[in-house]
Amino acid sequence: MVVTAKITSKGQITLPKEVRKLLKIDVGAVVVFEREDDKVVVRTAKTLREFKGFLKGKSATADFDRMRDKAKKYLGEKLERVKR
């Protein structure tokens, strides 16, 4: 599949319908742009809700706010690495 999108003066694009359908995303969805060698990969971002139950049965209790802060820090650092 090859589709195009025009970049606005603010550097924004609208994801074409075909791409949104392929990624199964709708209004409010978050996408991640990740550099892989000489390509940029677009994928849907995982939300914390998707990880619900992931640590079920683990002995340590989780502080949701602390987990969210760590996730934001990790993603921020990852985005900084991609920008370089």
C-alpha atoms as a PDB file:
ATOM      1  CA  MET A   1       0.000   0.000   0.000  1.00  0.00           C
ATOM      2  CA  VAL A   2       1.250   3.458  -0.883  1.00  0.00           C
ATOM      3  CA  VAL A   3      -0.645   6.540   0.312  1.00  0.00           C
ATOM      4  CA  THR A   4       0.406  10.141   0.703  1.00  0.00           C
ATOM      5  CA  ALA A   5      -0.341  12.917   3.177  1.00  0.00           C
ATOM      6  CA  LYS A   6       0.395  16.618   2.899  1.00  0.00           C
ATOM      7  CA  ILE A   7       2.284  18.382   5.704  1.00  0.00           C
ATOM      8  CA  THR A   8       0.666  21.607   6.913  1.00  0.00           C
ATOM      9  CA  SER A   9       2.505  24.822   7.755  1.00  0.00           C
ATOM     10  CA  LYS A  10       2.470  23.654  11.398  1.00  0.00           C
ATOM     11  CA  GLY A  11       4.176  20.367  10.475  1.00  0.00           C
ATOM     12  CA  GLN A  12       1.010  18.336  10.938  1.00  0.00           C
ATOM     13  CA  ILE A  13      -0.447  15.554   8.819  1.00  0.00           C
ATOM     14  CA  THR A  14      -3.758  13.751   8.698  1.00  0.00           C
ATOM     15  CA  LEU A  15      -3.312  10.010   8.632  1.00  0.00           C
ATOM     16  CA  PRO A  16      -5.103   8.742   5.538  1.00  0.00           C
ATOM     17  CA  LYS A  17      -8.194   6.622   6.113  1.00  0.00           C
ATOM     18  CA  GLU A  18      -6.432   3.524   4.764  1.00  0.00           C
ATOM     19  CA  VAL A  19      -3.646   3.896   7.353  1.00  0.00           C
ATOM     20  CA  ARG A  20      -6.088   4.496  10.223  1.00  0.00           C
ATOM     21  CA  LYS A  21      -8.038   1.425   9.161  1.00  0.00           C
ATOM     22  CA  LEU A  22      -4.864  -0.668   8.923  1.00  0.00           C
ATOM     23  CA  LEU A  23      -3.732   0.417  12.405  1.00  0.00           C
ATOM     24  CA  LYS A  24      -7.293   0.050  13.775  1.00  0.00           C
ATOM     25  CA  ILE A  25      -7.229   3.535  15.283  1.00  0.00           C
ATOM     26  CA  ASP A  26      -9.902   6.134  15.798  1.00  0.00           C
ATOM     27  CA  VAL A  27     -10.266   9.641  17.210  1.00  0.00           C
ATOM     28  CA  GLY A  28      -8.082  10.170  20.264  1.00  0.00           C
ATOM     29  CA  ALA A  29      -5.726   7.292  19.508  1.00  0.00           C
ATOM     30  CA  VAL A  30      -2.021   7.824  20.061  1.00  0.00           C
ATOM     31  CA  VAL A  31       0.525   6.735  17.485  1.00  0.00           C
ATOM     32  CA  VAL A  32       4.272   6.347  17.840  1.00  0.00           C
ATOM     33  CA  PHE A  33       6.749   7.290  15.130  1.00  0.00           C
ATOM     34  CA  GLU A  34       9.900   5.219  15.573  1.00  0.00           C
ATOM     35  CA  ARG A  35      13.063   5.389  13.501  1.00  0.00           C
ATOM     36  CA  GLU A  36      14.445   2.066  12.322  1.00  0.00           C
ATOM     37  CA  ASP A  37      17.606   2.489  10.278  1.00  0.00           C
ATOM     38  CA  ASP A  38      16.571   4.609   7.286  1.00  0.00           C
ATOM     39  CA  LYS A  39      12.802   4.180   7.849  1.00  0.00           C
ATOM     40  CA  VAL A  40      10.166   5.613  10.139  1.00  0.00           C
ATOM     41  CA  VAL A  41       7.668   3.112  11.492  1.00  0.00           C
ATOM     42  CA  VAL A  42       4.208   4.236  12.588  1.00  0.00           C
ATOM     43  CA  ARG A  43       2.458   2.078  15.159  1.00  0.00           C
ATOM     44  CA  THR A  44      -0.226   2.458  17.782  1.00  0.00           C
ATOM     45  CA  ALA A  45       0.920   3.310  21.276  1.00  0.00           C
ATOM     46  CA  LYS A  46       0.060   0.938  24.063  1.00  0.00           C
ATOM     47  CA  THR A  47      -1.982   2.414  26.877  1.00  0.00           C
ATOM     48  CA  LEU A  48      -1.668   1.557  30.541  1.00  0.00           C
ATOM     49  CA  ARG A  49      -5.064  -0.117  30.327  1.00  0.00           C
ATOM     50  CA  GLU A  50      -3.603  -2.717  27.966  1.00  0.00           C
ATOM     51  CA  PHE A  51      -1.210  -3.761  30.705  1.00  0.00           C
ATOM     52  CA  LYS A  52      -3.970  -4.285  33.266  1.00  0.00           C
ATOM     53  CA  GLY A  53      -3.405  -7.609  34.998  1.00  0.00           C
ATOM     54  CA  PHE A  54       0.087  -7.981  33.569  1.00  0.00           C
ATOM     55  CA  LEU A  55       1.648  -8.105  37.035  1.00  0.00           C
ATOM     56  CA  LYS A  56      -1.175 -10.053  38.629  1.00  0.00           C
ATOM     57  CA  GLY A  57       0.138 -12.402  41.268  1.00  0.00           C
ATOM     58  CA  LYS A  58       3.365 -10.467  41.847  1.00  0.00           C
ATOM     59  CA  SER A  59       4.146  -9.828  45.504  1.00  0.00           C
ATOM     60  CA  ALA A  60       4.969  -6.116  45.268  1.00  0.00           C
ATOM     61  CA  THR A  61       2.114  -3.633  45.251  1.00  0.00           C
ATOM     62  CA  ALA A  62       2.155  -1.075  42.473  1.00  0.00           C
ATOM     63  CA  ASP A  63       1.678   2.660  42.881  1.00  0.00           C
ATOM     64  CA  PHE A  64      -0.188   3.703  39.729  1.00  0.00           C
ATOM     65  CA  ASP A  65       1.058   7.312  39.800  1.00  0.00           C
ATOM     66  CA  ARG A  66       4.665   6.181  40.185  1.00  0.00           C
ATOM     67  CA  MET A  67       4.258   3.680  37.333  1.00  0.00           C
ATOM     68  CA  ARG A  68       2.779   6.388  35.090  1.00  0.00           C
ATOM     69  CA  ASP A  69       5.648   8.768  35.917  1.00  0.00           C
ATOM     70  CA  LYS A  70       8.223   6.079  35.098  1.00  0.00           C
ATOM     71  CA  ALA A  71       6.449   5.288  31.819  1.00  0.00           C
ATOM     72  CA  LYS A  72       6.407   8.979  30.822  1.00  0.00           C
ATOM     73  CA  LYS A  73      10.095   9.307  31.691  1.00  0.00           C
ATOM     74  CA  TYR A  74      10.964   6.190  29.668  1.00  0.00           C
ATOM     75  CA  LEU A  75       9.000   7.357  26.626  1.00  0.00           C
ATOM     76  CA  GLY A  76      10.493  10.848  26.882  1.00  0.00           C
ATOM     77  CA  GLU A  77      14.020   9.412  26.947  1.00  0.00           C
ATOM     78  CA  LYS A  78      13.212   7.125  24.021  1.00  0.00           C
ATOM     79  CA  LEU A  79      11.858  10.057  21.996  1.00  0.00           C
ATOM     80  CA  GLU A  80      14.994  12.067  22.753  1.00  0.00           C
ATOM     81  CA  ARG A  81      17.144   9.216  21.428  1.00  0.00           C
ATOM     82  CA  VAL A  82      15.050   9.079  18.240  1.00  0.00           C
ATOM     83  CA  LYS A  83      15.409  12.852  17.709  1.00  0.00           C
ATOM     84  CA  ARG A  84      19.203  12.601  17.642  1.00  0.00           C
END
